[in-house]
Amino acid sequence: MSDLEKKFQETAEYVRNWHPTKTVSNDDKLAGYALFKQATIGDCNIPAPGMFNFTEKAKWNAWNALKGMSKEEAMQKYIDCIEAQKVKYA
């Protein structure tokens, strides 16, 4: 396992157990979600949800927007995203 993969796994574990003191914005949640999916799965591989399924549609759009980004780049951006959120939302 590379250093990047190890740091990514540590960051993902932190997020699973994190209880921020402030409410995390939907945009920040979507950014983390999309980067995590791109890093772990790659390009979005599911059909777009219906237009009235707003939450799933937003998640799909965020992930699909990262199409073509390498898993390594997504891992680093996820780590950076979560580090910024840790400061922002303590």
N, C-alpha and C. Protein backbone atom coordinates (compact mmCIF):
# COMPACT_ATOMS: atom_id res chain seq x y z
N MET A 1 0.85 -1.18 0.00
CA MET A 1 0.00 0.00 0.00
C MET A 1 0.90 1.24 0.00
N SER A 2 0.62 2.16 -0.89
CA SER A 2 1.42 3.38 -0.99
C SER A 2 1.09 4.32 0.18
N ASP A 3 1.95 5.31 0.38
CA ASP A 3 1.70 6.31 1.42
C ASP A 3 0.39 7.04 1.17
N LEU A 4 0.11 7.33 -0.11
CA LEU A 4 -1.12 8.02 -0.46
C LEU A 4 -2.33 7.17 -0.09
N GLU A 5 -2.30 5.89 -0.44
CA GLU A 5 -3.42 5.00 -0.11
C GLU A 5 -3.60 4.89 1.41
N LYS A 6 -2.51 4.83 2.13
CA LYS A 6 -2.59 4.74 3.59
C LYS A 6 -3.23 6.00 4.16
N LYS A 7 -2.78 7.17 3.71
CA LYS A 7 -3.35 8.44 4.19
C LYS A 7 -4.82 8.54 3.80
N PHE A 8 -5.16 8.08 2.60
CA PHE A 8 -6.56 8.09 2.15
C PHE A 8 -7.41 7.22 3.08
N GLN A 9 -6.95 6.02 3.38
CA GLN A 9 -7.69 5.12 4.27
C GLN A 9 -7.84 5.72 5.67
N GLU A 10 -6.79 6.35 6.17
CA GLU A 10 -6.85 6.99 7.48
C GLU A 10 -7.86 8.14 7.47
N THR A 11 -7.88 8.90 6.40
CA THR A 11 -8.81 10.02 6.28
C THR A 11 -10.24 9.52 6.19
N ALA A 12 -10.47 8.48 5.41
CA ALA A 12 -11.81 7.91 5.28
C ALA A 12 -12.30 7.37 6.63
N GLU A 13 -11.41 6.74 7.38
CA GLU A 13 -11.77 6.23 8.71
C GLU A 13 -12.10 7.39 9.64
N TYR A 14 -11.35 8.46 9.56
CA TYR A 14 -11.63 9.65 10.36
C TYR A 14 -13.04 10.16 10.07
N VAL A 15 -13.38 10.25 8.79
CA VAL A 15 -14.70 10.76 8.39
C VAL A 15 -15.81 9.86 8.93
N ARG A 16 -15.61 8.56 8.89
CA ARG A 16 -16.64 7.63 9.39
C ARG A 16 -16.95 7.86 10.87
N ASN A 17 -15.97 8.33 11.62
CA ASN A 17 -16.14 8.51 13.06
C ASN A 17 -16.23 9.98 13.49
N TRP A 18 -16.24 10.89 12.54
CA TRP A 18 -16.18 12.32 12.82
C TRP A 18 -17.53 12.86 13.25
N HIS A 19 -17.51 13.70 14.27
CA HIS A 19 -18.71 14.40 14.73
C HIS A 19 -18.38 15.89 14.77
N PRO A 20 -18.53 16.57 13.62
CA PRO A 20 -18.17 17.99 13.57
C PRO A 20 -19.04 18.82 14.52
N THR A 21 -18.48 19.93 15.00
CA THR A 21 -19.23 20.78 15.92
C THR A 21 -20.17 21.72 15.18
N LYS A 22 -19.95 21.91 13.89
CA LYS A 22 -20.82 22.75 13.07
C LYS A 22 -21.42 21.89 11.97
N THR A 23 -22.55 22.32 11.43
CA THR A 23 -23.20 21.59 10.34
C THR A 23 -22.40 21.74 9.05
N VAL A 24 -22.05 20.63 8.45
CA VAL A 24 -21.29 20.62 7.20
C VAL A 24 -22.25 20.98 6.06
N SER A 25 -21.84 21.90 5.20
CA SER A 25 -22.70 22.32 4.09
C SER A 25 -22.91 21.17 3.11
N ASN A 26 -24.03 21.23 2.41
CA ASN A 26 -24.31 20.21 1.41
C ASN A 26 -23.24 20.18 0.32
N ASP A 27 -22.75 21.36 -0.08
CA ASP A 27 -21.70 21.41 -1.11
C ASP A 27 -20.44 20.70 -0.64
N ASP A 28 -20.07 20.90 0.62
CA ASP A 28 -18.88 20.22 1.14
C ASP A 28 -19.11 18.72 1.28
N LYS A 29 -20.31 18.33 1.68
CA LYS A 29 -20.63 16.89 1.76
C LYS A 29 -20.54 16.26 0.38
N LEU A 30 -21.10 16.94 -0.62
CA LEU A 30 -21.07 16.42 -1.99
C LEU A 30 -19.65 16.32 -2.52
N ALA A 31 -18.82 17.31 -2.21
CA ALA A 31 -17.43 17.28 -2.67
C ALA A 31 -16.71 16.06 -2.10
N GLY A 32 -16.87 15.83 -0.81
CA GLY A 32 -16.24 14.67 -0.18
C GLY A 32 -16.77 13.37 -0.74
N TYR A 33 -18.08 13.29 -0.91
CA TYR A 33 -18.72 12.09 -1.44
C TYR A 33 -18.18 11.77 -2.83
N ALA A 34 -18.18 12.77 -3.70
CA ALA A 34 -17.77 12.56 -5.09
C ALA A 34 -16.30 12.14 -5.18
N LEU A 35 -15.45 12.80 -4.41
CA LEU A 35 -14.03 12.45 -4.44
C LEU A 35 -13.80 11.05 -3.88
N PHE A 36 -14.53 10.68 -2.84
CA PHE A 36 -14.40 9.33 -2.27
C PHE A 36 -14.81 8.28 -3.31
N LYS A 37 -15.94 8.50 -3.97
CA LYS A 37 -16.41 7.54 -4.98
C LYS A 37 -15.42 7.44 -6.15
N GLN A 38 -14.89 8.58 -6.59
CA GLN A 38 -13.94 8.57 -7.71
C GLN A 38 -12.66 7.84 -7.30
N ALA A 39 -12.24 8.03 -6.06
CA ALA A 39 -11.01 7.39 -5.58
C ALA A 39 -11.18 5.90 -5.38
N THR A 40 -12.36 5.46 -4.99
CA THR A 40 -12.55 4.04 -4.68
C THR A 40 -13.13 3.24 -5.83
N ILE A 41 -13.91 3.87 -6.69
CA ILE A 41 -14.57 3.15 -7.79
C ILE A 41 -14.05 3.59 -9.15
N GLY A 42 -13.78 4.87 -9.29
CA GLY A 42 -13.40 5.42 -10.59
C GLY A 42 -14.58 6.19 -11.16
N ASP A 43 -14.64 6.27 -12.47
CA ASP A 43 -15.73 7.03 -13.11
C ASP A 43 -17.09 6.48 -12.71
N CYS A 44 -18.05 7.39 -12.63
CA CYS A 44 -19.43 7.05 -12.26
C CYS A 44 -19.93 5.93 -13.17
N ASN A 45 -20.41 4.86 -12.56
CA ASN A 45 -20.80 3.68 -13.33
C ASN A 45 -22.26 3.29 -13.11
N ILE A 46 -23.07 4.23 -12.65
CA ILE A 46 -24.49 3.95 -12.43
C ILE A 46 -25.31 4.92 -13.26
N PRO A 47 -26.50 4.52 -13.66
CA PRO A 47 -27.35 5.43 -14.44
C PRO A 47 -27.81 6.61 -13.58
N ALA A 48 -28.05 7.72 -14.24
CA ALA A 48 -28.54 8.91 -13.54
C ALA A 48 -29.90 8.63 -12.92
N PRO A 49 -30.10 9.07 -11.67
CA PRO A 49 -31.41 8.88 -11.04
C PRO A 49 -32.43 9.83 -11.65
N GLY A 50 -33.69 9.58 -11.36
CA GLY A 50 -34.76 10.43 -11.87
C GLY A 50 -34.63 11.86 -11.40
N MET A 51 -35.19 12.78 -12.16
CA MET A 51 -35.04 14.20 -11.86
C MET A 51 -35.71 14.62 -10.56
N PHE A 52 -36.63 13.82 -10.04
CA PHE A 52 -37.31 14.18 -8.79
C PHE A 52 -36.65 13.55 -7.57
N ASN A 53 -35.61 12.79 -7.78
CA ASN A 53 -34.84 12.21 -6.68
C ASN A 53 -33.65 13.16 -6.45
N PHE A 54 -33.94 14.28 -5.79
CA PHE A 54 -33.00 15.39 -5.73
C PHE A 54 -31.67 15.05 -5.06
N THR A 55 -31.72 14.34 -3.95
CA THR A 55 -30.49 14.01 -3.23
C THR A 55 -29.59 13.11 -4.06
N GLU A 56 -30.16 12.02 -4.58
CA GLU A 56 -29.36 11.09 -5.39
C GLU A 56 -28.88 11.74 -6.68
N LYS A 57 -29.69 12.62 -7.25
CA LYS A 57 -29.30 13.32 -8.47
C LYS A 57 -28.11 14.24 -8.19
N ALA A 58 -28.13 14.94 -7.06
CA ALA A 58 -27.01 15.82 -6.70
C ALA A 58 -25.74 15.02 -6.49
N LYS A 59 -25.86 13.87 -5.82
CA LYS A 59 -24.69 13.01 -5.60
C LYS A 59 -24.15 12.48 -6.93
N TRP A 60 -25.06 12.05 -7.80
CA TRP A 60 -24.65 11.53 -9.10
C TRP A 60 -23.95 12.62 -9.92
N ASN A 61 -24.53 13.82 -9.94
CA ASN A 61 -23.93 14.93 -10.69
C ASN A 61 -22.53 15.27 -10.18
N ALA A 62 -22.37 15.28 -8.85
CA ALA A 62 -21.06 15.61 -8.26
C ALA A 62 -20.03 14.56 -8.66
N TRP A 63 -20.40 13.29 -8.57
CA TRP A 63 -19.46 12.22 -8.91
C TRP A 63 -19.19 12.21 -10.41
N ASN A 64 -20.21 12.32 -11.22
CA ASN A 64 -20.05 12.27 -12.68
C ASN A 64 -19.20 13.43 -13.19
N ALA A 65 -19.21 14.55 -12.48
CA ALA A 65 -18.40 15.71 -12.89
C ALA A 65 -16.90 15.42 -12.79
N LEU A 66 -16.53 14.39 -12.06
CA LEU A 66 -15.11 14.04 -11.89
C LEU A 66 -14.64 13.01 -12.91
N LYS A 67 -15.49 12.68 -13.87
CA LYS A 67 -15.16 11.67 -14.88
C LYS A 67 -13.79 11.95 -15.50
N GLY A 68 -12.96 10.92 -15.54
CA GLY A 68 -11.63 11.03 -16.13
C GLY A 68 -10.53 11.33 -15.12
N MET A 69 -10.90 11.74 -13.90
CA MET A 69 -9.89 12.00 -12.87
C MET A 69 -9.32 10.67 -12.39
N SER A 70 -8.01 10.60 -12.27
CA SER A 70 -7.38 9.35 -11.81
C SER A 70 -7.74 9.09 -10.35
N LYS A 71 -7.67 7.82 -9.97
CA LYS A 71 -7.94 7.46 -8.58
C LYS A 71 -6.94 8.13 -7.65
N GLU A 72 -5.69 8.22 -8.06
CA GLU A 72 -4.65 8.83 -7.23
C GLU A 72 -4.93 10.32 -7.02
N GLU A 73 -5.31 11.02 -8.08
CA GLU A 73 -5.64 12.44 -7.95
C GLU A 73 -6.86 12.62 -7.05
N ALA A 74 -7.85 11.76 -7.22
CA ALA A 74 -9.05 11.84 -6.39
C ALA A 74 -8.72 11.57 -4.92
N MET A 75 -7.83 10.62 -4.66
CA MET A 75 -7.41 10.35 -3.28
C MET A 75 -6.79 11.59 -2.65
N GLN A 76 -5.86 12.21 -3.37
CA GLN A 76 -5.19 13.39 -2.83
C GLN A 76 -6.17 14.53 -2.62
N LYS A 77 -7.06 14.74 -3.58
CA LYS A 77 -8.05 15.81 -3.46
C LYS A 77 -9.03 15.53 -2.31
N TYR A 78 -9.37 14.27 -2.10
CA TYR A 78 -10.24 13.89 -0.98
C TYR A 78 -9.55 14.23 0.35
N ILE A 79 -8.29 13.85 0.46
CA ILE A 79 -7.53 14.15 1.68
C ILE A 79 -7.50 15.66 1.92
N ASP A 80 -7.20 16.42 0.87
CA ASP A 80 -7.15 17.88 0.99
C ASP A 80 -8.51 18.46 1.36
N CYS A 81 -9.56 17.93 0.75
CA CYS A 81 -10.93 18.38 1.00
C CYS A 81 -11.30 18.16 2.47
N ILE A 82 -11.02 16.98 2.98
CA ILE A 82 -11.37 16.65 4.37
C ILE A 82 -10.51 17.45 5.34
N GLU A 83 -9.24 17.64 5.03
CA GLU A 83 -8.39 18.46 5.90
C GLU A 83 -8.95 19.88 6.01
N ALA A 84 -9.41 20.44 4.90
CA ALA A 84 -10.00 21.78 4.92
C ALA A 84 -11.30 21.78 5.72
N GLN A 85 -12.10 20.72 5.57
CA GLN A 85 -13.36 20.63 6.32
C GLN A 85 -13.11 20.46 7.82
N LYS A 86 -12.05 19.76 8.19
CA LYS A 86 -11.72 19.60 9.61
C LYS A 86 -11.50 20.96 10.26
N VAL A 87 -10.83 21.86 9.54
CA VAL A 87 -10.59 23.20 10.06
C VAL A 87 -11.88 24.02 10.05
N LYS A 88 -12.61 23.94 8.96
CA LYS A 88 -13.82 24.74 8.77
C LYS A 88 -14.93 24.37 9.75
N TYR A 89 -15.08 23.08 10.02
CA TYR A 89 -16.20 22.61 10.84
C TYR A 89 -15.77 22.08 12.20
N ALA A 90 -14.47 22.14 12.48
CA ALA A 90 -13.89 21.67 13.75
C ALA A 90 -14.59 20.43 14.20
